[in-house]
């Protein structure tokens, strides 16, 4: 028996987001182009940094209704933000590449070997 479904509007979006089958994939932790990213789907929540923001950089953390939680614009150089797991989306333009803070830090694991003692 085959089931068929007619989807419109929100239902189509929900089916697209939830309809993928197979193994779960981790959300990316690098934002390499301008756009709006869904938190948990397109990007992982966490602390992000960009080192190449132009004076035209604008970003915003958004609710599911499109309301702005926090935003910034006109900044240049190094910027840091925290994208919360409760955010619905993150929008960025002119800010360069955003990476999770952990992706930019060298490992601080324990060292082994001779240290000239």
PDB file of N, CA and C in Angstrom:
ATOM      1  N   UNK A   1       0.840  -1.173   0.000  1.00  0.00           N
ATOM      2  CA  UNK A   1       0.000   0.000   0.000  1.00  0.00           C
ATOM      3  C   UNK A   1       0.885   1.236   0.000  1.00  0.00           C
ATOM      4  N   UNK A   2       0.618   2.143  -0.881  1.00  0.00           N
ATOM      5  CA  UNK A   2       1.425   3.346  -1.011  1.00  0.00           C
ATOM      6  C   UNK A   2       0.673   4.540  -0.455  1.00  0.00           C
ATOM      7  N   UNK A   3       1.366   5.336   0.348  1.00  0.00           N
ATOM      8  CA  UNK A   3       0.772   6.541   0.918  1.00  0.00           C
ATOM      9  C   UNK A   3       1.202   7.737   0.093  1.00  0.00           C
ATOM     10  N   UNK A   4       0.272   8.623  -0.188  1.00  0.00           N
ATOM     11  CA  UNK A   4       0.638   9.855  -0.880  1.00  0.00           C
ATOM     12  C   UNK A   4       0.218  11.036  -0.030  1.00  0.00           C
ATOM     13  N   UNK A   5       0.903  12.122  -0.225  1.00  0.00           N
ATOM     14  CA  UNK A   5       0.726  13.296   0.609  1.00  0.00           C
ATOM     15  C   UNK A   5       0.807  14.538  -0.245  1.00  0.00           C
ATOM     16  N   UNK A   6      -0.040  15.483   0.011  1.00  0.00           N
ATOM     17  CA  UNK A   6       0.016  16.770  -0.671  1.00  0.00           C
ATOM     18  C   UNK A   6       0.493  17.812   0.326  1.00  0.00           C
ATOM     19  N   UNK A   7       1.619  18.452   0.035  1.00  0.00           N
ATOM     20  CA  UNK A   7       2.209  19.418   0.957  1.00  0.00           C
ATOM     21  C   UNK A   7       2.268  20.798   0.331  1.00  0.00           C
ATOM     22  N   UNK A   8       1.954  21.800   1.142  1.00  0.00           N
ATOM     23  CA  UNK A   8       2.107  23.180   0.698  1.00  0.00           C
ATOM     24  C   UNK A   8       2.663  24.006   1.835  1.00  0.00           C
ATOM     25  N   UNK A   9       3.210  25.145   1.509  1.00  0.00           N
ATOM     26  CA  UNK A   9       3.682  26.095   2.518  1.00  0.00           C
ATOM     27  C   UNK A   9       4.600  25.479   3.541  1.00  0.00           C
ATOM     28  N   UNK A  10       4.264  25.712   4.830  1.00  0.00           N
ATOM     29  CA  UNK A  10       5.109  25.264   5.933  1.00  0.00           C
ATOM     30  C   UNK A  10       5.325  23.760   5.903  1.00  0.00           C
ATOM     31  N   UNK A  11       4.298  23.002   5.563  1.00  0.00           N
ATOM     32  CA  UNK A  11       4.422  21.545   5.528  1.00  0.00           C
ATOM     33  C   UNK A  11       5.509  21.091   4.582  1.00  0.00           C
ATOM     34  N   UNK A  12       5.623  21.742   3.443  1.00  0.00           N
ATOM     35  CA  UNK A  12       6.654  21.399   2.477  1.00  0.00           C
ATOM     36  C   UNK A  12       8.034  21.684   3.037  1.00  0.00           C
ATOM     37  N   UNK A  13       8.196  22.821   3.701  1.00  0.00           N
ATOM     38  CA  UNK A  13       9.479  23.162   4.320  1.00  0.00           C
ATOM     39  C   UNK A  13       9.816  22.143   5.398  1.00  0.00           C
ATOM     40  N   UNK A  14       8.859  21.828   6.265  1.00  0.00           N
ATOM     41  CA  UNK A  14       9.093  20.863   7.336  1.00  0.00           C
ATOM     42  C   UNK A  14       9.436  19.498   6.764  1.00  0.00           C
ATOM     43  N   UNK A  15       8.744  19.082   5.718  1.00  0.00           N
ATOM     44  CA  UNK A  15       9.028  17.786   5.111  1.00  0.00           C
ATOM     45  C   UNK A  15      10.419  17.771   4.501  1.00  0.00           C
ATOM     46  N   UNK A  16      10.822  18.869   3.912  1.00  0.00           N
ATOM     47  CA  UNK A  16      12.158  18.958   3.332  1.00  0.00           C
ATOM     48  C   UNK A  16      13.225  18.865   4.410  1.00  0.00           C
ATOM     49  N   UNK A  17      13.022  19.576   5.530  1.00  0.00           N
ATOM     50  CA  UNK A  17      14.009  19.572   6.602  1.00  0.00           C
ATOM     51  C   UNK A  17      14.050  18.247   7.343  1.00  0.00           C
ATOM     52  N   UNK A  18      12.892  17.613   7.529  1.00  0.00           N
ATOM     53  CA  UNK A  18      12.820  16.404   8.335  1.00  0.00           C
ATOM     54  C   UNK A  18      12.797  15.131   7.511  1.00  0.00           C
ATOM     55  N   UNK A  19      12.682  15.240   6.213  1.00  0.00           N
ATOM     56  CA  UNK A  19      12.458  14.072   5.386  1.00  0.00           C
ATOM     57  C   UNK A  19      13.692  13.295   4.997  1.00  0.00           C
ATOM     58  N   UNK A  20      14.887  13.769   5.297  1.00  0.00           N
ATOM     59  CA  UNK A  20      16.090  13.061   4.903  1.00  0.00           C
ATOM     60  C   UNK A  20      16.229  11.741   5.624  1.00  0.00           C
ATOM     61  N   UNK A  21      16.588  10.715   4.894  1.00  0.00           N
ATOM     62  CA  UNK A  21      16.785   9.401   5.497  1.00  0.00           C
ATOM     63  C   UNK A  21      18.270   9.112   5.550  1.00  0.00           C
ATOM     64  N   UNK A  22      18.658   8.191   6.389  1.00  0.00           N
ATOM     65  CA  UNK A  22      20.049   7.801   6.471  1.00  0.00           C
ATOM     66  C   UNK A  22      20.693   8.313   7.736  1.00  0.00           C
ATOM     67  N   UNK A  23      22.009   8.216   7.767  1.00  0.00           N
ATOM     68  CA  UNK A  23      22.764   8.590   8.963  1.00  0.00           C
ATOM     69  C   UNK A  23      22.706  10.094   9.195  1.00  0.00           C
ATOM     70  N   UNK A  24      22.631  10.461  10.451  1.00  0.00           N
ATOM     71  CA  UNK A  24      22.644  11.879  10.815  1.00  0.00           C
ATOM     72  C   UNK A  24      24.035  12.446  10.572  1.00  0.00           C
ATOM     73  N   UNK A  25      24.084  13.674  10.104  1.00  0.00           N
ATOM     74  CA  UNK A  25      25.359  14.334   9.869  1.00  0.00           C
ATOM     75  C   UNK A  25      25.475  15.521  10.803  1.00  0.00           C
ATOM     76  N   UNK A  26      26.690  15.782  11.260  1.00  0.00           N
ATOM     77  CA  UNK A  26      26.927  16.940  12.124  1.00  0.00           C
ATOM     78  C   UNK A  26      26.791  18.210  11.297  1.00  0.00           C
ATOM     79  N   UNK A  27      26.225  19.239  11.904  1.00  0.00           N
ATOM     80  CA  UNK A  27      26.095  20.524  11.219  1.00  0.00           C
ATOM     81  C   UNK A  27      27.484  21.123  11.011  1.00  0.00           C
ATOM     82  N   UNK A  28      27.724  21.759   9.871  1.00  0.00           N
ATOM     83  CA  UNK A  28      29.022  22.381   9.610  1.00  0.00           C
ATOM     84  C   UNK A  28      29.375  23.455  10.643  1.00  0.00           C
ATOM     85  N   UNK A  29      30.669  23.683  10.822  1.00  0.00           N
ATOM     86  CA  UNK A  29      31.153  24.678  11.779  1.00  0.00           C
ATOM     87  C   UNK A  29      31.925  25.799  11.085  1.00  0.00           C
ATOM     88  N   UNK A  30      31.809  25.885   9.767  1.00  0.00           N
ATOM     89  CA  UNK A  30      32.448  26.951   8.986  1.00  0.00           C
ATOM     90  C   UNK A  30      31.388  27.584   8.087  1.00  0.00           C
ATOM     91  N   UNK A  31      31.306  28.907   8.119  1.00  0.00           N
ATOM     92  CA  UNK A  31      30.399  29.658   7.250  1.00  0.00           C
ATOM     93  C   UNK A  31      31.270  30.384   6.245  1.00  0.00           C
ATOM     94  N   UNK A  32      31.326  29.893   5.016  1.00  0.00           N
ATOM     95  CA  UNK A  32      32.287  30.431   4.060  1.00  0.00           C
ATOM     96  C   UNK A  32      31.684  31.368   3.013  1.00  0.00           C
ATOM     97  N   UNK A  33      30.407  31.717   3.159  1.00  0.00           N
ATOM     98  CA  UNK A  33      29.810  32.677   2.227  1.00  0.00           C
ATOM     99  C   UNK A  33      28.634  33.398   2.886  1.00  0.00           C
ATOM    100  N   UNK A  34      28.254  34.528   2.314  1.00  0.00           N
ATOM    101  CA  UNK A  34      27.114  35.295   2.817  1.00  0.00           C
ATOM    102  C   UNK A  34      25.847  34.457   2.723  1.00  0.00           C
ATOM    103  N   UNK A  35      24.938  34.655   3.664  1.00  0.00           N
ATOM    104  CA  UNK A  35      23.665  33.952   3.608  1.00  0.00           C
ATOM    105  C   UNK A  35      23.032  33.835   4.971  1.00  0.00           C
ATOM    106  N   UNK A  36      21.922  33.109   5.018  1.00  0.00           N
ATOM    107  CA  UNK A  36      21.225  32.814   6.261  1.00  0.00           C
ATOM    108  C   UNK A  36      21.300  31.318   6.486  1.00  0.00           C
ATOM    109  N   UNK A  37      21.770  30.928   7.653  1.00  0.00           N
ATOM    110  CA  UNK A  37      22.026  29.533   7.984  1.00  0.00           C
ATOM    111  C   UNK A  37      21.095  29.077   9.102  1.00  0.00           C
ATOM    112  N   UNK A  38      20.460  27.929   8.943  1.00  0.00           N
ATOM    113  CA  UNK A  38      19.622  27.353   9.994  1.00  0.00           C
ATOM    114  C   UNK A  38      20.494  26.724  11.066  1.00  0.00           C
ATOM    115  N   UNK A  39      20.274  27.100  12.321  1.00  0.00           N
ATOM    116  CA  UNK A  39      21.075  26.564  13.429  1.00  0.00           C
ATOM    117  C   UNK A  39      20.661  25.117  13.684  1.00  0.00           C
ATOM    118  N   UNK A  40      21.657  24.240  13.739  1.00  0.00           N
ATOM    119  CA  UNK A  40      21.414  22.821  13.939  1.00  0.00           C
ATOM    120  C   UNK A  40      21.334  22.055  12.635  1.00  0.00           C
ATOM    121  N   UNK A  41      20.972  22.727  11.538  1.00  0.00           N
ATOM    122  CA  UNK A  41      20.883  22.079  10.236  1.00  0.00           C
ATOM    123  C   UNK A  41      22.030  22.521   9.330  1.00  0.00           C
ATOM    124  N   UNK A  42      22.169  23.836   9.148  1.00  0.00           N
ATOM    125  CA  UNK A  42      23.210  24.384   8.273  1.00  0.00           C
ATOM    126  C   UNK A  42      24.489  24.707   9.030  1.00  0.00           C
ATOM    127  N   UNK A  43      24.361  25.026  10.313  1.00  0.00           N
ATOM    128  CA  UNK A  43      25.520  25.310  11.165  1.00  0.00           C
ATOM    129  C   UNK A  43      25.253  24.778  12.563  1.00  0.00           C
ATOM    130  N   UNK A  44      26.331  24.486  13.259  1.00  0.00           N
ATOM    131  CA  UNK A  44      26.232  24.047  14.650  1.00  0.00           C
ATOM    132  C   UNK A  44      26.239  25.267  15.566  1.00  0.00           C
ATOM    133  N   UNK A  45      25.528  25.208  16.684  1.00  0.00           N
ATOM    134  CA  UNK A  45      25.637  26.299  17.655  1.00  0.00           C
ATOM    135  C   UNK A  45      27.048  26.331  18.229  1.00  0.00           C
ATOM    136  N   UNK A  46      27.468  27.475  18.738  1.00  0.00           N
ATOM    137  CA  UNK A  46      28.786  27.581  19.348  1.00  0.00           C
ATOM    138  C   UNK A  46      29.355  28.976  19.224  1.00  0.00           C
ATOM    139  N   UNK A  47      30.616  29.110  19.601  1.00  0.00           N
ATOM    140  CA  UNK A  47      31.337  30.381  19.529  1.00  0.00           C
ATOM    141  C   UNK A  47      32.054  30.454  18.189  1.00  0.00           C
ATOM    142  N   UNK A  48      31.798  31.526  17.446  1.00  0.00           N
ATOM    143  CA  UNK A  48      32.376  31.707  16.115  1.00  0.00           C
ATOM    144  C   UNK A  48      33.226  32.972  16.074  1.00  0.00           C
ATOM    145  N   UNK A  49      34.232  32.963  15.187  1.00  0.00           N
ATOM    146  CA  UNK A  49      35.109  34.116  15.009  1.00  0.00           C
ATOM    147  C   UNK A  49      35.370  34.314  13.518  1.00  0.00           C
ATOM    148  N   UNK A  50      35.479  35.574  13.119  1.00  0.00           N
ATOM    149  CA  UNK A  50      35.951  35.919  11.785  1.00  0.00           C
ATOM    150  C   UNK A  50      37.088  36.917  11.960  1.00  0.00           C
ATOM    151  N   UNK A  51      38.107  36.771  11.137  1.00  0.00           N
ATOM    152  CA  UNK A  51      39.262  37.671  11.201  1.00  0.00           C
ATOM    153  C   UNK A  51      39.276  38.644  10.031  1.00  0.00           C
ATOM    154  N   UNK A  52      38.302  38.538   9.138  1.00  0.00           N
ATOM    155  CA  UNK A  52      38.366  39.318   7.898  1.00  0.00           C
ATOM    156  C   UNK A  52      37.105  40.130   7.630  1.00  0.00           C
ATOM    157  N   UNK A  53      36.428  40.572   8.673  1.00  0.00           N
ATOM    158  CA  UNK A  53      35.221  41.379   8.475  1.00  0.00           C
ATOM    159  C   UNK A  53      35.581  42.711   7.825  1.00  0.00           C
ATOM    160  N   UNK A  54      34.796  43.090   6.826  1.00  0.00           N
ATOM    161  CA  UNK A  54      34.990  44.395   6.185  1.00  0.00           C
ATOM    162  C   UNK A  54      34.148  45.428   6.927  1.00  0.00           C
ATOM    163  N   UNK A  55      34.334  46.685   6.621  1.00  0.00           N
ATOM    164  CA  UNK A  55      33.524  47.731   7.236  1.00  0.00           C
ATOM    165  C   UNK A  55      32.050  47.627   6.874  1.00  0.00           C
ATOM    166  N   UNK A  56      31.729  46.745   5.923  1.00  0.00           N
ATOM    167  CA  UNK A  56      30.342  46.538   5.503  1.00  0.00           C
ATOM    168  C   UNK A  56      29.746  45.277   6.122  1.00  0.00           C
ATOM    169  N   UNK A  57      30.437  44.672   7.069  1.00  0.00           N
ATOM    170  CA  UNK A  57      29.977  43.436   7.711  1.00  0.00           C
ATOM    171  C   UNK A  57      28.671  43.673   8.472  1.00  0.00           C
ATOM    172  N   UNK A  58      27.712  42.789   8.265  1.00  0.00           N
ATOM    173  CA  UNK A  58      26.455  42.814   9.020  1.00  0.00           C
ATOM    174  C   UNK A  58      26.077  41.375   9.354  1.00  0.00           C
ATOM    175  N   UNK A  59      25.643  41.143  10.580  1.00  0.00           N
ATOM    176  CA  UNK A  59      25.241  39.802  10.998  1.00  0.00           C
ATOM    177  C   UNK A  59      24.057  39.904  11.955  1.00  0.00           C
ATOM    178  N   UNK A  60      23.319  38.800  12.085  1.00  0.00           N
ATOM    179  CA  UNK A  60      22.179  38.784  13.004  1.00  0.00           C
ATOM    180  C   UNK A  60      21.872  37.358  13.435  1.00  0.00           C
ATOM    181  N   UNK A  61      21.567  37.203  14.708  1.00  0.00           N
ATOM    182  CA  UNK A  61      21.020  35.958  15.250  1.00  0.00           C
ATOM    183  C   UNK A  61      19.504  36.116  15.228  1.00  0.00           C
ATOM    184  N   UNK A  62      18.786  35.098  14.747  1.00  0.00           N
ATOM    185  CA  UNK A  62      17.353  35.231  14.504  1.00  0.00           C
ATOM    186  C   UNK A  62      16.522  34.169  15.214  1.00  0.00           C
ATOM    187  N   UNK A  63      15.280  34.547  15.566  1.00  0.00           N
ATOM    188  CA  UNK A  63      14.314  33.594  16.114  1.00  0.00           C
ATOM    189  C   UNK A  63      13.635  32.869  14.956  1.00  0.00           C
ATOM    190  N   UNK A  64      12.822  31.879  15.284  1.00  0.00           N
ATOM    191  CA  UNK A  64      12.072  31.144  14.266  1.00  0.00           C
ATOM    192  C   UNK A  64      11.078  32.042  13.532  1.00  0.00           C
ATOM    193  N   UNK A  65      10.703  33.157  14.138  1.00  0.00           N
ATOM    194  CA  UNK A  65       9.766  34.097  13.513  1.00  0.00           C
ATOM    195  C   UNK A  65      10.485  35.184  12.722  1.00  0.00           C
ATOM    196  N   UNK A  66      11.826  35.133  12.674  1.00  0.00           N
ATOM    197  CA  UNK A  66      12.603  36.128  11.946  1.00  0.00           C
ATOM    198  C   UNK A  66      12.939  37.362  12.748  1.00  0.00           C
ATOM    199  N   UNK A  67      12.580  37.364  14.037  1.00  0.00           N
ATOM    200  CA  UNK A  67      12.929  38.496  14.894  1.00  0.00           C
ATOM    201  C   UNK A  67      14.417  38.454  15.224  1.00  0.00           C
ATOM    202  N   UNK A  68      15.028  39.625  15.373  1.00  0.00           N
ATOM    203  CA  UNK A  68      16.456  39.722  15.672  1.00  0.00           C
ATOM    204  C   UNK A  68      16.687  39.553  17.172  1.00  0.00           C
ATOM    205  N   UNK A  69      17.533  38.597  17.527  1.00  0.00           N
ATOM    206  CA  UNK A  69      17.941  38.379  18.913  1.00  0.00           C
ATOM    207  C   UNK A  69      19.086  39.325  19.243  1.00  0.00           C
ATOM    208  N   UNK A  70      20.041  39.389  18.323  1.00  0.00           N
ATOM    209  CA  UNK A  70      21.238  40.227  18.473  1.00  0.00           C
ATOM    210  C   UNK A  70      21.773  40.485  17.073  1.00  0.00           C
ATOM    211  N   UNK A  71      22.374  41.655  16.857  1.00  0.00           N
ATOM    212  CA  UNK A  71      22.929  41.946  15.540  1.00  0.00           C
ATOM    213  C   UNK A  71      24.090  42.918  15.660  1.00  0.00           C
ATOM    214  N   UNK A  72      24.826  43.024  14.579  1.00  0.00           N
ATOM    215  CA  UNK A  72      25.925  43.973  14.516  1.00  0.00           C
ATOM    216  C   UNK A  72      26.168  44.356  13.067  1.00  0.00           C
ATOM    217  N   UNK A  73      26.685  45.571  12.852  1.00  0.00           N
ATOM    218  CA  UNK A  73      27.039  45.974  11.493  1.00  0.00           C
ATOM    219  C   UNK A  73      28.084  47.073  11.528  1.00  0.00           C
ATOM    220  N   UNK A  74      28.762  47.229  10.400  1.00  0.00           N
ATOM    221  CA  UNK A  74      29.761  48.273  10.267  1.00  0.00           C
ATOM    222  C   UNK A  74      31.097  47.969  10.913  1.00  0.00           C
ATOM    223  N   UNK A  75      31.234  46.795  11.500  1.00  0.00           N
ATOM    224  CA  UNK A  75      32.489  46.438  12.163  1.00  0.00           C
ATOM    225  C   UNK A  75      33.489  45.885  11.150  1.00  0.00           C
ATOM    226  N   UNK A  76      34.756  45.960  11.495  1.00  0.00           N
ATOM    227  CA  UNK A  76      35.787  45.370  10.647  1.00  0.00           C
ATOM    228  C   UNK A  76      36.819  44.677  11.524  1.00  0.00           C
ATOM    229  N   UNK A  77      37.624  43.818  10.884  1.00  0.00           N
ATOM    230  CA  UNK A  77      38.655  43.095  11.623  1.00  0.00           C
ATOM    231  C   UNK A  77      38.131  41.819  12.244  1.00  0.00           C
ATOM    232  N   UNK A  78      38.520  41.568  13.488  1.00  0.00           N
ATOM    233  CA  UNK A  78      38.148  40.345  14.194  1.00  0.00           C
ATOM    234  C   UNK A  78      36.839  40.537  14.955  1.00  0.00           C
ATOM    235  N   UNK A  79      35.904  39.620  14.729  1.00  0.00           N
ATOM    236  CA  UNK A  79      34.623  39.636  15.435  1.00  0.00           C
ATOM    237  C   UNK A  79      34.367  38.268  16.047  1.00  0.00           C
ATOM    238  N   UNK A  80      33.757  38.261  17.221  1.00  0.00           N
ATOM    239  CA  UNK A  80      33.379  37.015  17.886  1.00  0.00           C
ATOM    240  C   UNK A  80      31.900  37.067  18.234  1.00  0.00           C
ATOM    241  N   UNK A  81      31.217  35.950  18.004  1.00  0.00           N
ATOM    242  CA  UNK A  81      29.802  35.850  18.360  1.00  0.00           C
ATOM    243  C   UNK A  81      29.533  34.478  18.958  1.00  0.00           C
ATOM    244  N   UNK A  82      28.446  34.379  19.685  1.00  0.00           N
ATOM    245  CA  UNK A  82      27.991  33.084  20.204  1.00  0.00           C
ATOM    246  C   UNK A  82      26.623  32.800  19.606  1.00  0.00           C
ATOM    247  N   UNK A  83      26.532  31.720  18.839  1.00  0.00           N
ATOM    248  CA  UNK A  83      25.263  31.272  18.281  1.00  0.00           C
ATOM    249  C   UNK A  83      24.713  30.215  19.230  1.00  0.00           C
ATOM    250  N   UNK A  84      23.553  30.502  19.824  1.00  0.00           N
ATOM    251  CA  UNK A  84      22.959  29.608  20.818  1.00  0.00           C
ATOM    252  C   UNK A  84      22.160  28.494  20.145  1.00  0.00           C
ATOM    253  N   UNK A  85      22.030  27.378  20.841  1.00  0.00           N
ATOM    254  CA  UNK A  85      21.239  26.267  20.311  1.00  0.00           C
ATOM    255  C   UNK A  85      19.764  26.645  20.207  1.00  0.00           C
ATOM    256  N   UNK A  86      19.349  27.680  20.920  1.00  0.00           N
ATOM    257  CA  UNK A  86      17.961  28.144  20.865  1.00  0.00           C
ATOM    258  C   UNK A  86      17.716  29.135  19.727  1.00  0.00           C
ATOM    259  N   UNK A  87      18.772  29.600  19.049  1.00  0.00           N
ATOM    260  CA  UNK A  87      18.617  30.466  17.875  1.00  0.00           C
ATOM    261  C   UNK A  87      18.068  29.621  16.725  1.00  0.00           C
ATOM    262  N   UNK A  88      17.227  30.214  15.898  1.00  0.00           N
ATOM    263  CA  UNK A  88      16.711  29.497  14.731  1.00  0.00           C
ATOM    264  C   UNK A  88      17.645  29.643  13.536  1.00  0.00           C
ATOM    265  N   UNK A  89      18.251  30.829  13.390  1.00  0.00           N
ATOM    266  CA  UNK A  89      19.087  31.077  12.220  1.00  0.00           C
ATOM    267  C   UNK A  89      20.134  32.138  12.522  1.00  0.00           C
ATOM    268  N   UNK A  90      21.155  32.173  11.656  1.00  0.00           N
ATOM    269  CA  UNK A  90      22.207  33.178  11.717  1.00  0.00           C
ATOM    270  C   UNK A  90      22.394  33.715  10.309  1.00  0.00           C
ATOM    271  N   UNK A  91      22.370  35.036  10.171  1.00  0.00           N
ATOM    272  CA  UNK A  91      22.520  35.679   8.872  1.00  0.00           C
ATOM    273  C   UNK A  91      23.806  36.504   8.862  1.00  0.00           C
ATOM    274  N   UNK A  92      24.546  36.460   7.758  1.00  0.00           N
ATOM    275  CA  UNK A  92      25.809  37.182   7.658  1.00  0.00           C
ATOM    276  C   UNK A  92      26.016  37.701   6.238  1.00  0.00           C
ATOM    277  N   UNK A  93      26.597  38.889   6.141  1.00  0.00           N
ATOM    278  CA  UNK A  93      26.976  39.443   4.840  1.00  0.00           C
ATOM    279  C   UNK A  93      28.199  40.350   5.012  1.00  0.00           C
ATOM    280  N   UNK A  94      29.189  40.179   4.148  1.00  0.00           N
ATOM    281  CA  UNK A  94      30.379  41.018   4.174  1.00  0.00           C
ATOM    282  C   UNK A  94      31.311  40.780   5.343  1.00  0.00           C
ATOM    283  N   UNK A  95      31.150  39.659   6.040  1.00  0.00           N
ATOM    284  CA  UNK A  95      31.945  39.404   7.250  1.00  0.00           C
ATOM    285  C   UNK A  95      33.101  38.435   7.023  1.00  0.00           C
ATOM    286  N   UNK A  96      33.238  37.919   5.825  1.00  0.00           N
ATOM    287  CA  UNK A  96      34.285  36.940   5.583  1.00  0.00           C
ATOM    288  C   UNK A  96      33.881  35.568   6.099  1.00  0.00           C
ATOM    289  N   UNK A  97      34.865  34.723   6.336  1.00  0.00           N
ATOM    290  CA  UNK A  97      34.622  33.350   6.781  1.00  0.00           C
ATOM    291  C   UNK A  97      34.511  33.299   8.298  1.00  0.00           C
ATOM    292  N   UNK A  98      33.416  32.725   8.788  1.00  0.00           N
ATOM    293  CA  UNK A  98      33.241  32.474  10.222  1.00  0.00           C
ATOM    294  C   UNK A  98      33.639  31.029  10.493  1.00  0.00           C
ATOM    295  N   UNK A  99      34.371  30.801  11.585  1.00  0.00           N
ATOM    296  CA  UNK A  99      34.751  29.445  12.023  1.00  0.00           C
ATOM    297  C   UNK A  99      34.481  29.335  13.509  1.00  0.00           C
ATOM    298  N   UNK A 100      34.239  28.103  13.963  1.00  0.00           N
ATOM    299  CA  UNK A 100      34.100  27.935  15.405  1.00  0.00           C
ATOM    300  C   UNK A 100      35.431  28.273  16.044  1.00  0.00           C
ATOM    301  N   UNK A 101      35.388  28.827  17.242  1.00  0.00           N
ATOM    302  CA  UNK A 101      36.618  29.207  17.954  1.00  0.00           C
ATOM    303  C   UNK A 101      37.546  28.013  18.087  1.00  0.00           C
ATOM    304  N   UNK A 102      37.011  26.836  18.380  1.00  0.00           N
ATOM    305  CA  UNK A 102      37.848  25.648  18.561  1.00  0.00           C
ATOM    306  C   UNK A 102      38.597  25.280  17.293  1.00  0.00           C
ATOM    307  N   UNK A 103      38.035  25.599  16.126  1.00  0.00           N
ATOM    308  CA  UNK A 103      38.698  25.283  14.864  1.00  0.00           C
ATOM    309  C   UNK A 103      39.929  26.152  14.651  1.00  0.00           C
ATOM    310  N   UNK A 104      40.043  27.266  15.388  1.00  0.00           N
ATOM    311  CA  UNK A 104      41.159  28.190  15.214  1.00  0.00           C
ATOM    312  C   UNK A 104      42.237  28.039  16.277  1.00  0.00           C
ATOM    313  N   UNK A 105      41.970  27.250  17.278  1.00  0.00           N
ATOM    314  CA  UNK A 105      42.927  27.109  18.373  1.00  0.00           C
ATOM    315  C   UNK A 105      43.761  25.850  18.200  1.00  0.00           C
ATOM    316  N   UNK A 106      45.063  25.925  18.495  1.00  0.00           N
ATOM    317  CA  UNK A 106      45.878  24.714  18.447  1.00  0.00           C
ATOM    318  C   UNK A 106      45.494  23.789  19.591  1.00  0.00           C
ATOM    319  N   UNK A 107      45.741  22.527  19.402  1.00  0.00           N
ATOM    320  CA  UNK A 107      45.442  21.546  20.439  1.00  0.00           C
ATOM    321  C   UNK A 107      46.224  21.860  21.702  1.00  0.00           C
ATOM    322  N   UNK A 108      45.579  21.690  22.849  1.00  0.00           N
ATOM    323  CA  UNK A 108      46.265  21.921  24.124  1.00  0.00           C
ATOM    324  C   UNK A 108      46.313  20.631  24.932  1.00  0.00           C
ATOM    325  N   UNK A 109      46.347  19.506  24.228  1.00  0.00           N
ATOM    326  CA  UNK A 109      46.400  18.204  24.893  1.00  0.00           C
ATOM    327  C   UNK A 109      47.719  18.016  25.621  1.00  0.00           C
ATOM    328  N   UNK A 110      47.810  16.948  26.385  1.00  0.00           N
ATOM    329  CA  UNK A 110      49.034  16.686  27.146  1.00  0.00           C
ATOM    330  C   UNK A 110      50.172  16.317  26.205  1.00  0.00           C
ATOM    331  N   UNK A 111      51.365  16.682  26.595  1.00  0.00           N
ATOM    332  CA  UNK A 111      52.556  16.403  25.797  1.00  0.00           C
ATOM    333  C   UNK A 111      53.322  15.240  26.405  1.00  0.00           C
ATOM    334  N   UNK A 112      54.001  14.500  25.547  1.00  0.00           N
ATOM    335  CA  UNK A 112      54.858  13.412  26.021  1.00  0.00           C
ATOM    336  C   UNK A 112      56.223  13.577  25.386  1.00  0.00           C
ATOM    337  N   UNK A 113      57.226  12.962  26.006  1.00  0.00           N
ATOM    338  CA  UNK A 113      58.564  13.005  25.440  1.00  0.00           C
ATOM    339  C   UNK A 113      59.576  13.548  26.429  1.00  0.00           C
ATOM    340  N   UNK A 114      60.806  13.800  25.945  1.00  0.00           N
ATOM    341  CA  UNK A 114      61.876  14.341  26.778  1.00  0.00           C
ATOM    342  C   UNK A 114      61.864  15.852  26.714  1.00  0.00           C
ATOM    343  N   UNK A 115      62.032  16.459  27.866  1.00  0.00           N
ATOM    344  CA  UNK A 115      62.011  17.905  27.933  1.00  0.00           C
ATOM    345  C   UNK A 115      63.289  18.459  28.539  1.00  0.00           C
ATOM    346  N   UNK A 116      64.398  17.760  28.386  1.00  0.00           N
ATOM    347  CA  UNK A 116      65.694  18.244  28.847  1.00  0.00           C
ATOM    348  C   UNK A 116      65.819  18.329  30.352  1.00  0.00           C
ATOM    349  N   UNK A 117      65.245  17.367  31.045  1.00  0.00           N
ATOM    350  CA  UNK A 117      65.346  17.376  32.504  1.00  0.00           C
ATOM    351  C   UNK A 117      66.617  16.761  32.962  1.00  0.00           C
TER     352      UNK A 117
END
